[in-house]
Amino acid sequence: MTVNGRLEAQFSCPVVIPGSGQECNVPSEQRLPCGPGSVSHPQCLSMGCCFGNHPPACYYPMDECTIDRHFVFSVPASLTEPPLSPGLLVVASNSTCKSQRVTSDYALFKIPMDGCGTRRVTVGNAVIYMVEVINMVQTLSLNYGTITRDSSVRLLVECRFLPGTALSVSYLVKTPTLGPEVPAQGVFGVQLRIAKDAQYSSYYPQNHPPLQMLLGKPLYLEVRLLNAPDPSLVLLVHFCVAYPLSGKAVWLLLYNGCPNPYDPTLQQSLVSDPQPPTPQAQTRRFTISTFQFLPDGEFRDPNEENNFMCSTEICSPHDGPCVEGCFGQ
């Protein structure tokens, strides 16, 4: 403890973790070196990395949160249709943070959890790190206009630290380009939108300018499945957050489908019975009271735009119970 408050320090010790599982089945051309070139087999495993017979002998597991606090993951070009250009992928809040290795088929990323605009959310004992990856859209400007043939791609990568459990990393499309006006067969997505009233009778369009709201006023948010091929699918909401455009702060709205228990106002309300024709299990609605981020440290602009983002999961009852927090009560 210090006079000005809490002082945090990080400590670590070697932990031998077997590195021969499925996460180590990485093609040789996609292996990112871990540690110095002369690291021994036990030293390599103590760093949570994989050891092989071909260079690099010690390499990172893929799609993992590493012991040395990095996101290590791959993004294939086939993630979108038509295929994306891996060389155009960068970290959203810091375009200087690019992939470690890139080909026409994939991009390999190694991003520090404490850099490149990574956001951190703490809920009780759970700690979640998030970083967003986007593609730089290429444009062609001529005398009579500017065009592009690149679709906007946004990926969210998460590292979740939970007491007593293994670390995991996943990446997903944050804002799918698939919309309700685009016909699709066998392809579905998740959409987050803002309603104009408490009855959710109409919504602001996706290209609407940033909303200006008075502090403390209700804001009606909805997360829903689009073009679900199976009416029995259930949409689970793991968490929703708000953050300013700079990414210097973050505020938790929902966690495990419930309002943030550490919000002293507890004004968020959940609506779990939307009217037909939208299936109840495929639409989640909640209300929050508007707020603003106050300047703190590097974050100095109190008038910055706020963004909303939700982490969701599509669950099939055929594979097991689809249970979530307060939405299911």
Protein backbone atom coordinates (compact mmCIF):
# COMPACT_ATOMS: atom_id res chain seq x y z
CA MET A 1 0.00 0.00 0.00
CA THR A 2 1.12 3.54 -0.72
CA VAL A 3 -0.05 6.96 0.42
CA ASN A 4 -1.84 7.53 -2.89
CA GLY A 5 -3.52 4.12 -2.99
CA ARG A 6 -2.78 0.60 -4.15
CA LEU A 7 0.49 -0.36 -5.83
CA GLU A 8 0.37 -3.45 -8.03
CA ALA A 9 3.35 -5.68 -8.75
CA GLN A 10 3.69 -8.82 -10.88
CA PHE A 11 5.50 -11.94 -9.70
CA SER A 12 6.16 -15.16 -11.57
CA CYS A 13 7.82 -18.50 -11.00
CA PRO A 14 8.62 -21.41 -13.35
CA VAL A 15 5.72 -23.80 -13.83
CA VAL A 16 6.24 -26.92 -15.92
CA ILE A 17 3.26 -27.30 -18.23
CA PRO A 18 3.15 -30.24 -20.67
CA GLY A 19 3.51 -28.91 -24.19
CA SER A 20 2.56 -31.94 -26.25
CA GLY A 21 -1.19 -31.42 -26.48
CA GLN A 22 -3.39 -30.39 -29.40
CA GLU A 23 -2.31 -26.76 -29.04
CA CYS A 24 1.23 -27.74 -30.11
CA ASN A 25 0.13 -29.28 -33.42
CA VAL A 26 1.27 -26.18 -35.28
CA PRO A 27 2.63 -26.48 -38.86
CA SER A 28 6.34 -25.68 -38.97
CA GLU A 29 5.83 -22.64 -41.18
CA GLN A 30 3.39 -21.15 -38.61
CA ARG A 31 5.59 -21.55 -35.54
CA LEU A 32 6.58 -18.36 -33.73
CA PRO A 33 9.82 -18.73 -31.71
CA CYS A 34 9.50 -18.65 -27.92
CA GLY A 35 12.46 -17.58 -25.75
CA PRO A 36 16.13 -17.50 -26.79
CA GLY A 37 17.34 -19.79 -29.55
CA SER A 38 19.34 -22.05 -27.20
CA VAL A 39 16.57 -22.73 -24.68
CA SER A 40 16.47 -26.29 -23.31
CA HIS A 41 13.50 -28.62 -23.35
CA PRO A 42 12.60 -28.13 -19.63
CA GLN A 43 13.07 -24.37 -19.89
CA CYS A 44 10.82 -24.26 -22.92
CA LEU A 45 8.03 -26.15 -21.15
CA SER A 46 8.41 -23.95 -18.05
CA MET A 47 7.56 -20.95 -20.25
CA GLY A 48 4.37 -22.68 -21.37
CA CYS A 49 5.72 -23.22 -24.88
CA CYS A 50 6.07 -26.24 -27.16
CA PHE A 51 9.31 -28.09 -27.96
CA GLY A 52 10.10 -29.86 -31.22
CA ASN A 53 12.95 -31.34 -33.20
CA HIS A 54 12.99 -28.76 -35.98
CA PRO A 55 13.78 -25.04 -35.74
CA PRO A 56 12.47 -23.16 -34.02
CA ALA A 57 12.82 -25.87 -31.38
CA CYS A 58 10.85 -23.83 -28.80
CA TYR A 59 7.71 -22.20 -30.20
CA TYR A 60 4.45 -20.74 -28.95
CA PRO A 61 1.23 -22.76 -28.92
CA MET A 62 -1.33 -21.28 -31.27
CA ASP A 63 -4.59 -19.60 -30.24
CA GLU A 64 -3.49 -19.38 -26.62
CA CYS A 65 -2.93 -16.88 -23.80
CA THR A 66 0.72 -17.38 -22.95
CA ILE A 67 2.49 -17.38 -19.59
CA ASP A 68 4.57 -14.38 -20.67
CA ARG A 69 1.30 -12.46 -21.13
CA HIS A 70 0.73 -12.42 -24.88
CA PHE A 71 -2.16 -13.12 -27.22
CA VAL A 72 -0.84 -15.62 -29.78
CA PHE A 73 -3.33 -16.45 -32.52
CA SER A 74 -3.79 -16.87 -36.26
CA VAL A 75 -6.32 -15.29 -38.60
CA PRO A 76 -6.95 -17.28 -41.81
CA ALA A 77 -7.84 -15.52 -45.04
CA SER A 78 -10.83 -17.86 -45.34
CA LEU A 79 -12.43 -16.23 -42.29
CA THR A 80 -14.58 -14.13 -44.63
CA GLU A 81 -16.10 -14.61 -48.07
CA PRO A 82 -14.60 -13.33 -50.29
CA PRO A 83 -11.27 -14.05 -48.52
CA LEU A 84 -9.72 -11.17 -46.62
CA SER A 85 -6.19 -9.85 -47.15
CA PRO A 86 -4.18 -10.93 -44.06
CA GLY A 87 -1.52 -8.29 -44.73
CA LEU A 88 -4.07 -5.52 -44.08
CA LEU A 89 -4.93 -6.66 -40.52
CA VAL A 90 -3.83 -4.37 -37.67
CA VAL A 91 -4.80 -3.72 -34.05
CA ALA A 92 -7.74 -1.30 -34.00
CA SER A 93 -6.47 1.11 -31.34
CA ASN A 94 -2.83 1.05 -32.56
CA SER A 95 -2.26 0.52 -36.27
CA THR A 96 1.51 0.15 -35.66
CA CYS A 97 0.78 -3.20 -33.97
CA LYS A 98 0.77 -5.63 -36.87
CA SER A 99 1.12 -9.36 -37.41
CA GLN A 100 4.38 -11.18 -36.68
CA ARG A 101 4.16 -13.19 -39.89
CA VAL A 102 1.83 -12.89 -42.86
CA THR A 103 1.18 -14.83 -46.06
CA SER A 104 -1.65 -14.79 -48.56
CA ASP A 105 -3.36 -17.52 -46.50
CA TYR A 106 -3.01 -16.31 -42.90
CA ALA A 107 -1.64 -13.74 -40.44
CA LEU A 108 0.05 -14.69 -37.14
CA PHE A 109 -0.25 -12.29 -34.22
CA LYS A 110 1.68 -12.00 -30.96
CA ILE A 111 0.22 -9.09 -28.97
CA PRO A 112 1.24 -8.12 -25.42
CA MET A 113 -1.62 -8.00 -22.94
CA ASP A 114 -0.31 -4.74 -21.51
CA GLY A 115 0.21 -2.94 -24.84
CA CYS A 116 -1.26 -2.22 -28.26
CA GLY A 117 -4.44 -0.75 -26.77
CA THR A 118 -5.47 -3.92 -24.94
CA ARG A 119 -8.46 -3.36 -22.63
CA ARG A 120 -8.84 -5.07 -19.25
CA VAL A 121 -12.02 -5.82 -17.30
CA THR A 122 -12.05 -7.22 -13.75
CA VAL A 123 -15.19 -8.81 -12.32
CA GLY A 124 -14.66 -10.38 -8.90
CA ASN A 125 -11.82 -12.86 -9.39
CA ALA A 126 -12.18 -13.00 -13.17
CA VAL A 127 -9.90 -10.87 -15.36
CA ILE A 128 -10.61 -10.47 -19.08
CA TYR A 129 -8.19 -8.91 -21.58
CA MET A 130 -9.55 -7.83 -24.95
CA VAL A 131 -7.91 -6.57 -28.12
CA GLU A 132 -9.60 -5.75 -31.41
CA VAL A 133 -8.14 -6.51 -34.84
CA ILE A 134 -9.44 -4.76 -37.95
CA ASN A 135 -8.47 -4.61 -41.62
CA MET A 136 -7.21 -1.46 -43.33
CA VAL A 137 -9.61 -0.82 -46.19
CA GLN A 138 -7.84 -0.03 -49.47
CA THR A 139 -9.39 2.75 -51.53
CA LEU A 140 -9.07 3.89 -55.13
CA SER A 141 -9.60 7.62 -55.79
CA LEU A 142 -10.30 8.95 -59.28
CA ASN A 143 -11.69 12.23 -60.60
CA TYR A 144 -15.32 11.43 -59.92
CA GLY A 145 -15.20 9.50 -56.65
CA THR A 146 -13.51 7.04 -54.31
CA ILE A 147 -14.32 3.32 -54.19
CA THR A 148 -13.24 0.25 -52.28
CA ARG A 149 -13.72 -3.47 -52.82
CA ASP A 150 -12.76 -4.45 -49.26
CA SER A 151 -15.38 -5.33 -46.66
CA SER A 152 -14.85 -4.07 -43.14
CA VAL A 153 -13.63 -6.85 -40.83
CA ARG A 154 -13.47 -6.58 -37.02
CA LEU A 155 -12.25 -9.41 -34.80
CA LEU A 156 -12.30 -9.48 -31.02
CA VAL A 157 -9.64 -11.55 -29.21
CA GLU A 158 -10.16 -12.37 -25.55
CA CYS A 159 -7.91 -13.77 -22.82
CA ARG A 160 -9.85 -14.85 -19.75
CA PHE A 161 -8.14 -15.48 -16.43
CA LEU A 162 -10.28 -17.46 -14.00
CA PRO A 163 -9.03 -18.79 -10.64
CA GLY A 164 -8.27 -22.49 -10.76
CA THR A 165 -8.85 -22.89 -14.49
CA ALA A 166 -6.67 -22.96 -17.58
CA LEU A 167 -6.28 -19.85 -19.69
CA SER A 168 -8.09 -19.66 -23.00
CA VAL A 169 -8.12 -17.40 -26.03
CA SER A 170 -10.69 -17.02 -28.76
CA TYR A 171 -11.36 -14.63 -31.61
CA LEU A 172 -14.61 -13.79 -33.29
CA VAL A 173 -16.28 -11.28 -35.58
CA LYS A 174 -17.24 -8.28 -33.49
CA THR A 175 -19.65 -6.56 -35.87
CA PRO A 176 -20.67 -8.95 -38.66
CA THR A 177 -21.14 -7.32 -42.04
CA LEU A 178 -24.18 -9.58 -42.47
CA GLY A 179 -27.35 -7.49 -42.06
CA PRO A 180 -31.07 -8.23 -42.05
CA GLU A 181 -31.43 -6.84 -45.57
CA VAL A 182 -28.79 -9.22 -46.98
CA PRO A 183 -30.26 -12.62 -47.98
CA ALA A 184 -28.30 -15.58 -46.65
CA GLN A 185 -28.77 -19.33 -46.51
CA GLY A 186 -27.04 -21.37 -43.82
CA VAL A 187 -25.09 -18.32 -42.60
CA PHE A 188 -26.06 -16.33 -39.55
CA GLY A 189 -24.59 -13.67 -37.30
CA VAL A 190 -25.14 -11.60 -34.17
CA GLN A 191 -26.21 -7.95 -34.18
CA LEU A 192 -26.10 -5.34 -31.41
CA ARG A 193 -28.41 -2.34 -31.92
CA ILE A 194 -30.04 0.54 -30.03
CA ALA A 195 -33.82 0.98 -29.82
CA LYS A 196 -35.52 4.37 -29.93
CA ASP A 197 -38.04 3.55 -27.18
CA ALA A 198 -38.70 1.20 -24.28
CA GLN A 199 -41.09 -0.86 -26.42
CA TYR A 200 -38.31 -1.63 -28.94
CA SER A 201 -40.69 -0.63 -31.74
CA SER A 202 -37.97 1.00 -33.88
CA TYR A 203 -34.18 1.18 -33.98
CA TYR A 204 -31.44 3.60 -34.95
CA PRO A 205 -29.91 2.61 -38.33
CA GLN A 206 -26.37 1.28 -38.44
CA ASN A 207 -25.11 4.38 -40.28
CA HIS A 208 -26.73 6.82 -37.82
CA PRO A 209 -24.42 9.60 -36.51
CA PRO A 210 -23.26 9.20 -32.87
CA LEU A 211 -26.15 9.66 -30.44
CA GLN A 212 -26.16 12.55 -27.99
CA MET A 213 -27.85 11.58 -24.71
CA LEU A 214 -28.32 13.35 -21.38
CA LEU A 215 -26.56 11.71 -18.43
CA GLY A 216 -28.75 9.34 -16.44
CA LYS A 217 -31.25 8.77 -19.25
CA PRO A 218 -32.18 5.20 -20.27
CA LEU A 219 -30.59 3.59 -23.31
CA TYR A 220 -32.26 0.51 -24.77
CA LEU A 221 -29.88 -2.11 -26.18
CA GLU A 222 -30.68 -5.34 -28.01
CA VAL A 223 -28.52 -8.31 -29.04
CA ARG A 224 -30.10 -10.73 -31.50
CA LEU A 225 -29.41 -13.61 -33.85
CA LEU A 226 -29.72 -12.94 -37.57
CA ASN A 227 -30.94 -15.54 -40.06
CA ALA A 228 -30.68 -18.39 -37.56
CA PRO A 229 -31.00 -21.68 -39.50
CA ASP A 230 -32.40 -23.49 -36.45
CA PRO A 231 -35.22 -21.99 -34.31
CA SER A 232 -34.04 -24.01 -31.30
CA LEU A 233 -30.69 -22.17 -31.07
CA VAL A 234 -30.18 -20.02 -27.97
CA LEU A 235 -28.21 -16.77 -27.79
CA LEU A 236 -26.12 -16.51 -24.61
CA VAL A 237 -24.63 -13.17 -23.51
CA HIS A 238 -21.33 -13.66 -21.68
CA PHE A 239 -20.61 -9.97 -21.08
CA CYS A 240 -21.19 -6.51 -22.52
CA VAL A 241 -18.89 -3.51 -22.05
CA ALA A 242 -18.73 0.18 -22.97
CA TYR A 243 -15.49 1.91 -23.88
CA PRO A 244 -14.39 5.27 -25.35
CA LEU A 245 -12.98 5.48 -28.84
CA SER A 246 -9.43 5.82 -27.49
CA GLY A 247 -9.69 2.46 -25.71
CA LYS A 248 -8.12 3.99 -22.58
CA ALA A 249 -10.99 2.92 -20.30
CA VAL A 250 -13.74 0.30 -20.13
CA TRP A 251 -16.95 -0.11 -18.11
CA LEU A 252 -18.68 -3.45 -17.59
CA LEU A 253 -22.43 -3.51 -18.30
CA LEU A 254 -23.31 -7.21 -18.14
CA TYR A 255 -21.39 -10.25 -16.94
CA ASN A 256 -22.67 -13.81 -17.38
CA GLY A 257 -25.95 -12.34 -18.56
CA CYS A 258 -26.47 -10.26 -15.39
CA PRO A 259 -26.03 -6.55 -14.56
CA ASN A 260 -22.64 -5.54 -13.19
CA PRO A 261 -22.91 -6.30 -9.43
CA TYR A 262 -20.20 -3.71 -8.69
CA ASP A 263 -22.14 -0.83 -10.24
CA PRO A 264 -23.42 1.13 -7.21
CA THR A 265 -26.53 2.32 -9.08
CA LEU A 266 -27.60 -1.12 -10.34
CA GLN A 267 -29.99 0.61 -12.73
CA GLN A 268 -29.50 -1.83 -15.56
CA SER A 269 -32.67 -3.81 -16.24
CA LEU A 270 -33.12 -6.92 -18.37
CA VAL A 271 -36.00 -7.73 -20.70
CA SER A 272 -36.23 -11.45 -21.43
CA ASP A 273 -39.66 -11.61 -23.11
CA PRO A 274 -39.48 -9.79 -26.47
CA GLN A 275 -42.64 -9.97 -28.55
CA PRO A 276 -43.06 -12.19 -31.62
CA PRO A 277 -42.01 -12.75 -34.32
CA THR A 278 -38.54 -12.69 -32.76
CA PRO A 279 -37.95 -15.91 -30.76
CA GLN A 280 -37.35 -15.15 -27.10
CA ALA A 281 -34.22 -17.29 -26.85
CA GLN A 282 -32.60 -15.55 -29.83
CA THR A 283 -33.03 -11.94 -28.65
CA ARG A 284 -31.64 -10.35 -25.48
CA ARG A 285 -32.66 -6.83 -24.40
CA PHE A 286 -31.36 -4.68 -21.57
CA THR A 287 -31.53 -1.06 -20.43
CA ILE A 288 -28.70 1.02 -19.00
CA SER A 289 -28.48 4.56 -17.63
CA THR A 290 -26.20 6.74 -19.73
CA PHE A 291 -22.87 7.81 -18.26
CA GLN A 292 -19.59 9.39 -19.31
CA PHE A 293 -15.98 8.42 -18.68
CA LEU A 294 -14.09 10.91 -16.52
CA PRO A 295 -10.49 11.89 -17.40
CA ASP A 296 -8.00 9.53 -15.75
CA GLY A 297 -4.30 9.18 -16.57
CA GLU A 298 -3.81 8.99 -20.33
CA PHE A 299 -7.54 9.38 -20.95
CA ARG A 300 -8.08 13.16 -21.06
CA ASP A 301 -11.06 13.85 -23.32
CA PRO A 302 -14.39 13.73 -21.43
CA ASN A 303 -16.32 14.24 -24.70
CA GLU A 304 -15.08 11.11 -26.44
CA GLU A 305 -17.57 8.85 -28.17
CA ASN A 306 -18.58 5.71 -26.29
CA ASN A 307 -18.87 2.33 -27.97
CA PHE A 308 -20.76 -0.80 -26.89
CA MET A 309 -19.62 -4.38 -27.43
CA CYS A 310 -20.99 -7.76 -26.32
CA SER A 311 -19.38 -11.20 -26.20
CA THR A 312 -21.95 -13.85 -27.08
CA GLU A 313 -22.24 -17.57 -27.70
CA ILE A 314 -24.72 -19.48 -29.87
CA CYS A 315 -25.81 -22.62 -28.05
CA SER A 316 -27.74 -25.64 -29.27
CA PRO A 317 -29.97 -27.39 -26.70
CA HIS A 318 -29.16 -30.67 -28.44
CA ASP A 319 -25.56 -30.41 -27.18
CA GLY A 320 -26.48 -29.70 -23.56
CA PRO A 321 -28.27 -27.15 -21.36
CA CYS A 322 -28.07 -23.56 -22.61
CA VAL A 323 -27.97 -21.73 -19.29
CA GLU A 324 -27.11 -18.10 -18.64
CA GLY A 325 -27.54 -15.68 -15.75
CA CYS A 326 -30.35 -13.21 -15.24
CA PHE A 327 -31.78 -13.53 -18.76
CA GLY A 328 -32.79 -17.10 -17.94
CA GLN A 329 -34.53 -16.26 -14.67
